């Protein structure tokens, strides 16, 4: 069993490799629903991320009163395996989640099922395709450059100096793989830098290190918009966050007013208005220390032609979350 050493506080976690560990580095082939669900839960309350802002804007309104409970779960659940245990009715995971949230186990499982149906199932084909592309890139690097080249170029801010892989993690600690090797698995929703998730092996099982499957801000609207209303959806064309800003401009508004109406941060509203202005959809004028934004004729025409194309997203009927066994 892989065990962390204790008694050391640091800002990085150190993975110690032996020669046998380097020979046993593997890259996952599958895209597991419970893994993506786990990182998506964490993303609900994580700091704003440009690549996931459209997804959050699409999904959070559809979760309704479940949002608070799901954010609690995302902040508490320590690993994908813990989420799978809770979903399958594991006594230990259920009891721990009940103590943390104050909700009964059945309510927690129903909330997770609803989250899957609203937040992941409509996008599952796109999520799977993206993660598999990222995993294939890791395999190609391993094949062409070898394991040390792979460990030197992992996404997410790690650094390799033989025989130690340093992972950014506020918990710190030393982990010795002890000849069992390491499995690398990618997740689209694991975009946050500064904290990695390492699941330790049991018995002779391999430890699993979860890596970001990088998604650029430019590619995000295509991925999320493909399942959000088709080619004529405003969100599919410009992204859900920018669509909400555009729809809020029924009259000239300040950046702060747009942020409040669109449910985003002030810096996020500034970024969206800059993109919309460059696209010729809005104009901006400054009065003293405030920026006022309003639609151009092109922006107004786009709203007239396309507004209302996005699907109405409300929680679907609860069913079991499809989590396969590890």
Protein backbone atom coordinates (compact mmCIF):
# COMPACT_ATOMS: atom_id res chain seq x y z
CA UNK A 1 0.00 0.00 0.00
CA UNK A 2 1.32 3.45 -0.86
CA UNK A 3 1.56 5.57 2.29
CA UNK A 4 2.45 9.26 2.69
CA UNK A 5 5.10 10.24 5.19
CA UNK A 6 3.94 12.74 7.79
CA UNK A 7 5.51 15.43 9.94
CA UNK A 8 6.50 17.77 7.12
CA UNK A 9 4.67 20.93 6.12
CA UNK A 10 5.28 22.19 2.58
CA UNK A 11 3.59 23.77 -0.40
CA UNK A 12 4.26 20.80 -2.64
CA UNK A 13 3.78 17.07 -2.46
CA UNK A 14 6.79 14.94 -3.42
CA UNK A 15 6.38 11.62 -5.24
CA UNK A 16 9.51 9.46 -4.96
CA UNK A 17 10.12 7.05 -7.87
CA UNK A 18 12.32 3.97 -7.97
CA UNK A 19 13.55 2.47 -11.24
CA UNK A 20 10.68 -0.04 -11.07
CA UNK A 21 8.17 2.82 -10.63
CA UNK A 22 9.44 4.51 -13.79
CA UNK A 23 8.86 1.26 -15.70
CA UNK A 24 5.28 1.08 -14.39
CA UNK A 25 3.97 4.55 -15.31
CA UNK A 26 0.67 4.03 -17.12
CA UNK A 27 -1.86 6.35 -18.78
CA UNK A 28 -5.58 5.66 -18.33
CA UNK A 29 -7.62 4.60 -21.35
CA UNK A 30 -11.11 5.27 -20.03
CA UNK A 31 -13.13 8.38 -19.18
CA UNK A 32 -14.99 7.54 -15.98
CA UNK A 33 -18.25 9.32 -15.10
CA UNK A 34 -17.55 9.38 -11.36
CA UNK A 35 -14.15 11.03 -11.93
CA UNK A 36 -15.59 13.81 -14.12
CA UNK A 37 -18.50 14.24 -11.69
CA UNK A 38 -16.09 14.63 -8.77
CA UNK A 39 -14.05 17.39 -10.44
CA UNK A 40 -17.19 19.05 -11.82
CA UNK A 41 -18.55 19.25 -8.25
CA UNK A 42 -15.35 20.94 -7.14
CA UNK A 43 -15.65 23.38 -10.04
CA UNK A 44 -19.02 24.66 -8.78
CA UNK A 45 -17.34 26.58 -5.96
CA UNK A 46 -13.76 26.88 -7.25
CA UNK A 47 -12.31 30.29 -8.24
CA UNK A 48 -13.60 31.48 -11.64
CA UNK A 49 -11.97 29.70 -14.57
CA UNK A 50 -12.30 31.03 -18.10
CA UNK A 51 -12.54 27.56 -19.68
CA UNK A 52 -15.40 26.50 -17.38
CA UNK A 53 -17.27 29.80 -17.06
CA UNK A 54 -19.69 28.97 -19.89
CA UNK A 55 -20.43 25.56 -18.38
CA UNK A 56 -21.09 27.09 -14.97
CA UNK A 57 -23.35 29.74 -16.49
CA UNK A 58 -25.36 27.04 -18.28
CA UNK A 59 -25.56 24.57 -15.41
CA UNK A 60 -25.86 26.50 -12.16
CA UNK A 61 -29.33 28.00 -12.89
CA UNK A 62 -30.66 24.54 -13.73
CA UNK A 63 -29.60 23.12 -10.36
CA UNK A 64 -31.92 25.43 -8.43
CA UNK A 65 -32.04 24.76 -4.66
CA UNK A 66 -29.65 21.80 -5.03
CA UNK A 67 -26.72 24.11 -5.78
CA UNK A 68 -25.85 24.84 -2.15
CA UNK A 69 -25.83 21.16 -1.16
CA UNK A 70 -23.76 20.19 -4.21
CA UNK A 71 -21.21 22.91 -3.45
CA UNK A 72 -20.89 21.52 0.08
CA UNK A 73 -20.22 18.06 -1.33
CA UNK A 74 -17.65 19.41 -3.77
CA UNK A 75 -15.77 21.15 -0.97
CA UNK A 76 -15.77 18.07 1.27
CA UNK A 77 -15.38 14.94 -0.90
CA UNK A 78 -11.68 14.01 -0.76
CA UNK A 79 -11.43 11.88 -3.90
CA UNK A 80 -13.31 10.33 -6.84
CA UNK A 81 -13.40 7.02 -4.97
CA UNK A 82 -15.18 8.67 -2.05
CA UNK A 83 -17.82 10.04 -4.42
CA UNK A 84 -18.32 6.60 -5.95
CA UNK A 85 -18.67 5.07 -2.48
CA UNK A 86 -21.34 7.65 -1.57
CA UNK A 87 -23.21 7.09 -4.84
CA UNK A 88 -23.24 3.33 -4.36
CA UNK A 89 -24.49 3.65 -0.78
CA UNK A 90 -21.25 2.89 1.05
CA UNK A 91 -21.84 3.15 4.81
CA UNK A 92 -18.57 4.98 5.63
CA UNK A 93 -18.88 7.55 2.84
CA UNK A 94 -22.59 8.12 3.48
CA UNK A 95 -22.08 8.66 7.21
CA UNK A 96 -19.22 11.09 6.63
CA UNK A 97 -21.21 13.06 4.02
CA UNK A 98 -24.24 13.23 6.32
CA UNK A 99 -22.11 14.64 9.14
CA UNK A 100 -20.60 17.25 6.81
CA UNK A 101 -23.80 18.40 5.10
CA UNK A 102 -26.61 17.53 7.52
CA UNK A 103 -28.55 15.89 4.65
CA UNK A 104 -29.74 12.26 4.63
CA UNK A 105 -27.93 9.82 2.37
CA UNK A 106 -30.81 9.36 -0.06
CA UNK A 107 -31.10 13.12 -0.56
CA UNK A 108 -27.36 13.33 -1.26
CA UNK A 109 -27.58 10.57 -3.86
CA UNK A 110 -30.60 12.18 -5.53
CA UNK A 111 -28.71 15.50 -5.69
CA UNK A 112 -25.73 13.77 -7.31
CA UNK A 113 -27.98 12.09 -9.87
CA UNK A 114 -29.63 15.40 -10.72
CA UNK A 115 -26.20 17.02 -11.03
CA UNK A 116 -25.10 14.29 -13.45
CA UNK A 117 -28.20 14.77 -15.60
CA UNK A 118 -27.97 18.57 -15.70
CA UNK A 119 -24.22 19.15 -15.62
CA UNK A 120 -22.55 16.22 -17.37
CA UNK A 121 -24.88 13.91 -19.31
CA UNK A 122 -25.79 16.51 -22.00
CA UNK A 123 -22.07 17.11 -22.65
CA UNK A 124 -20.76 13.58 -22.16
CA UNK A 125 -19.84 12.93 -25.81
CA UNK A 126 -17.83 16.16 -25.99
CA UNK A 127 -16.22 15.57 -22.57
CA UNK A 128 -15.18 12.04 -23.54
CA UNK A 129 -13.71 13.12 -26.87
CA UNK A 130 -11.72 15.95 -25.30
CA UNK A 131 -10.27 13.84 -22.46
CA UNK A 132 -9.32 11.05 -24.84
CA UNK A 133 -7.46 13.52 -27.06
CA UNK A 134 -5.48 14.75 -24.06
CA UNK A 135 -4.72 11.20 -22.93
CA UNK A 136 -3.53 10.33 -26.44
CA UNK A 137 -1.15 13.31 -26.35
CA UNK A 138 0.30 11.95 -23.09
CA UNK A 139 0.73 8.50 -24.67
CA UNK A 140 2.49 9.98 -27.70
CA UNK A 141 4.90 11.90 -25.49
CA UNK A 142 5.62 8.73 -23.51
CA UNK A 143 6.21 6.75 -26.72
CA UNK A 144 8.47 9.33 -28.37
CA UNK A 145 10.27 10.92 -25.44
CA UNK A 146 10.21 8.31 -22.70
CA UNK A 147 8.87 8.42 -19.15
CA UNK A 148 11.16 11.20 -17.90
CA UNK A 149 10.13 13.47 -20.77
CA UNK A 150 6.49 12.72 -19.92
CA UNK A 151 6.99 13.51 -16.22
CA UNK A 152 8.80 16.73 -17.16
CA UNK A 153 5.82 18.00 -19.18
CA UNK A 154 2.74 17.05 -17.17
CA UNK A 155 -0.08 19.64 -17.29
CA UNK A 156 -0.94 21.39 -14.04
CA UNK A 157 2.30 22.93 -12.79
CA UNK A 158 4.31 19.92 -11.55
CA UNK A 159 8.08 19.65 -11.87
CA UNK A 160 10.31 16.61 -12.31
CA UNK A 161 13.84 16.25 -10.96
CA UNK A 162 14.85 12.61 -10.87
CA UNK A 163 13.76 10.71 -8.83
CA UNK A 164 11.13 13.12 -7.44
CA UNK A 165 7.96 14.55 -9.00
CA UNK A 166 6.89 17.71 -7.17
CA UNK A 167 3.18 18.48 -7.24
CA UNK A 168 1.71 21.84 -6.19
CA UNK A 169 -0.44 21.01 -3.18
CA UNK A 170 -1.07 23.06 -0.06
CA UNK A 171 -1.11 19.91 2.09
CA UNK A 172 2.48 18.94 1.25
CA UNK A 173 3.98 15.58 2.19
CA UNK A 174 6.23 12.81 0.91
CA UNK A 175 4.89 9.77 -0.98
CA UNK A 176 7.03 6.77 -1.90
CA UNK A 177 5.59 4.68 -4.73
CA UNK A 178 7.68 1.68 -3.61
CA UNK A 179 7.78 -0.10 -6.95
CA UNK A 180 4.01 -0.08 -7.61
CA UNK A 181 4.26 2.62 -10.29
CA UNK A 182 1.83 5.43 -11.08
CA UNK A 183 -1.31 5.72 -13.18
CA UNK A 184 -2.04 9.06 -14.88
CA UNK A 185 -5.67 9.99 -15.52
CA UNK A 186 -7.00 13.17 -17.14
CA UNK A 187 -10.15 15.14 -16.31
CA UNK A 188 -11.70 18.01 -18.26
CA UNK A 189 -13.08 19.60 -15.08
CA UNK A 190 -9.73 19.45 -13.26
CA UNK A 191 -8.59 22.85 -14.58
CA UNK A 192 -7.53 24.35 -11.24
CA UNK A 193 -3.81 24.87 -10.67
CA UNK A 194 -2.25 24.64 -7.24
CA UNK A 195 -3.81 21.41 -5.96
CA UNK A 196 -3.42 17.95 -7.39
CA UNK A 197 -5.44 14.89 -6.41
CA UNK A 198 -3.43 11.76 -5.73
CA UNK A 199 -5.32 8.59 -4.82
CA UNK A 200 -3.11 6.11 -3.04
CA UNK A 201 -3.07 2.45 -4.03
CA UNK A 202 -4.31 -0.37 -1.80
CA UNK A 203 -2.37 -3.60 -1.58
CA UNK A 204 -0.43 -3.80 -4.84
CA UNK A 205 -2.68 -1.33 -6.61
CA UNK A 206 -1.17 1.67 -8.35
CA UNK A 207 -1.57 5.19 -7.07
CA UNK A 208 -3.52 7.43 -9.48
CA UNK A 209 -2.56 11.02 -10.20
CA UNK A 210 -5.35 13.09 -11.74
CA UNK A 211 -4.20 15.68 -14.28
CA UNK A 212 -5.99 18.55 -16.02
CA UNK A 213 -7.16 17.90 -19.58
CA UNK A 214 -6.39 21.49 -20.67
CA UNK A 215 -9.28 23.38 -22.31
CA UNK A 216 -8.58 26.80 -23.76
CA UNK A 217 -11.00 29.71 -23.41
CA UNK A 218 -11.22 29.85 -27.22
CA UNK A 219 -12.28 26.19 -27.53
CA UNK A 220 -14.70 26.18 -24.59
CA UNK A 221 -17.73 27.82 -26.31
CA UNK A 222 -17.67 25.17 -29.04
CA UNK A 223 -17.54 22.31 -26.54
CA UNK A 224 -20.30 23.59 -24.25
CA UNK A 225 -22.41 25.20 -26.97
CA UNK A 226 -22.65 22.00 -29.01
CA UNK A 227 -25.11 20.59 -26.44
CA UNK A 228 -26.77 23.85 -25.47
CA UNK A 229 -29.15 24.51 -28.31
CA UNK A 230 -27.58 23.69 -31.66
CA UNK A 231 -25.94 25.86 -34.28
CA UNK A 232 -28.38 28.72 -33.89
CA UNK A 233 -27.98 29.00 -30.13
CA UNK A 234 -26.57 32.34 -29.00
CA UNK A 235 -24.55 30.54 -26.32
CA UNK A 236 -23.13 28.16 -28.93
CA UNK A 237 -21.97 31.09 -31.04
CA UNK A 238 -20.38 33.32 -28.43
CA UNK A 239 -20.36 31.34 -25.17
CA UNK A 240 -22.92 31.25 -22.36
CA UNK A 241 -21.25 33.92 -20.25
CA UNK A 242 -21.03 36.41 -23.11
CA UNK A 243 -24.57 35.57 -24.16
CA UNK A 244 -25.82 36.49 -20.68
CA UNK A 245 -23.93 39.80 -20.83
CA UNK A 246 -25.37 40.56 -24.27
CA UNK A 247 -28.89 39.68 -23.15
CA UNK A 248 -28.53 42.00 -20.14
CA UNK A 249 -27.98 44.99 -22.44
CA UNK A 250 -31.64 45.86 -22.87
CA UNK A 251 -30.43 49.39 -22.11
CA UNK A 252 -26.98 50.95 -21.57
CA UNK A 253 -25.41 49.48 -18.43
CA UNK A 254 -22.19 49.76 -16.44
CA UNK A 255 -19.74 46.90 -16.05
CA UNK A 256 -20.89 46.41 -12.46
CA UNK A 257 -24.54 46.21 -13.47
CA UNK A 258 -23.72 43.64 -16.16
CA UNK A 259 -21.78 41.52 -13.67
CA UNK A 260 -24.74 41.52 -11.28
CA UNK A 261 -27.33 40.73 -13.95
CA UNK A 262 -25.22 38.01 -15.60
CA UNK A 263 -24.22 36.45 -12.28
CA UNK A 264 -20.47 36.77 -12.88
CA UNK A 265 -17.54 38.61 -11.30
CA UNK A 266 -16.57 42.18 -12.20
CA UNK A 267 -13.30 41.08 -13.89
CA UNK A 268 -15.26 38.42 -15.78
CA UNK A 269 -17.72 41.03 -17.05
CA UNK A 270 -14.81 43.22 -18.18
CA UNK A 271 -13.28 40.31 -20.11
CA UNK A 272 -16.59 39.48 -21.79
CA UNK A 273 -17.30 43.10 -22.78
CA UNK A 274 -13.81 43.37 -24.30
CA UNK A 275 -14.50 40.33 -26.51
CA UNK A 276 -17.99 41.55 -27.47
CA UNK A 277 -16.63 45.00 -28.30
CA UNK A 278 -13.90 43.51 -30.52
CA UNK A 279 -16.59 41.48 -32.31
CA UNK A 280 -18.56 44.65 -33.03
CA UNK A 281 -21.56 43.62 -30.91
CA UNK A 282 -21.32 46.39 -28.29
CA UNK A 283 -19.80 49.83 -27.86
CA UNK A 284 -18.30 51.26 -24.69
CA UNK A 285 -18.04 54.86 -23.52
CA UNK A 286 -16.43 56.13 -20.35
CA UNK A 287 -17.86 58.67 -17.96
CA UNK A 288 -15.47 59.56 -15.14
CA UNK A 289 -14.51 56.24 -13.55
CA UNK A 290 -17.35 54.16 -15.05
CA UNK A 291 -17.65 52.30 -18.35
CA UNK A 292 -21.08 52.23 -20.02
CA UNK A 293 -21.88 49.51 -22.56
CA UNK A 294 -24.67 49.30 -25.14
CA UNK A 295 -25.59 47.17 -28.14
CA UNK A 296 -24.54 48.04 -31.67
CA UNK A 297 -27.02 47.48 -34.52
CA UNK A 298 -25.19 44.21 -35.24
CA UNK A 299 -25.52 43.09 -31.62
CA UNK A 300 -29.20 43.98 -31.54
CA UNK A 301 -29.81 42.08 -34.77
CA UNK A 302 -28.05 39.00 -33.41
CA UNK A 303 -30.23 39.05 -30.30
CA UNK A 304 -33.39 39.47 -32.36
CA UNK A 305 -32.54 36.56 -34.65
CA UNK A 306 -31.08 34.12 -32.16
CA UNK A 307 -32.38 34.89 -28.68
CA UNK A 308 -34.49 32.11 -27.28
CA UNK A 309 -32.62 29.33 -29.11
CA UNK A 310 -30.87 28.06 -25.99
CA UNK A 311 -32.52 25.09 -24.31
CA UNK A 312 -34.39 25.58 -21.05
CA UNK A 313 -32.20 23.69 -18.57
CA UNK A 314 -33.99 22.39 -15.46
CA UNK A 315 -33.15 19.35 -13.35
CA UNK A 316 -34.22 16.13 -15.05
CA UNK A 317 -35.89 13.18 -13.38
CA UNK A 318 -33.49 11.53 -10.97
CA UNK A 319 -31.92 8.22 -12.01
CA UNK A 320 -28.86 6.31 -10.88
CA UNK A 321 -25.54 7.95 -11.69
CA UNK A 322 -23.70 5.58 -14.07
CA UNK A 323 -20.51 4.94 -12.11
CA UNK A 324 -18.68 1.79 -13.19
CA UNK A 325 -16.63 -0.21 -10.74
CA UNK A 326 -12.92 0.63 -10.55
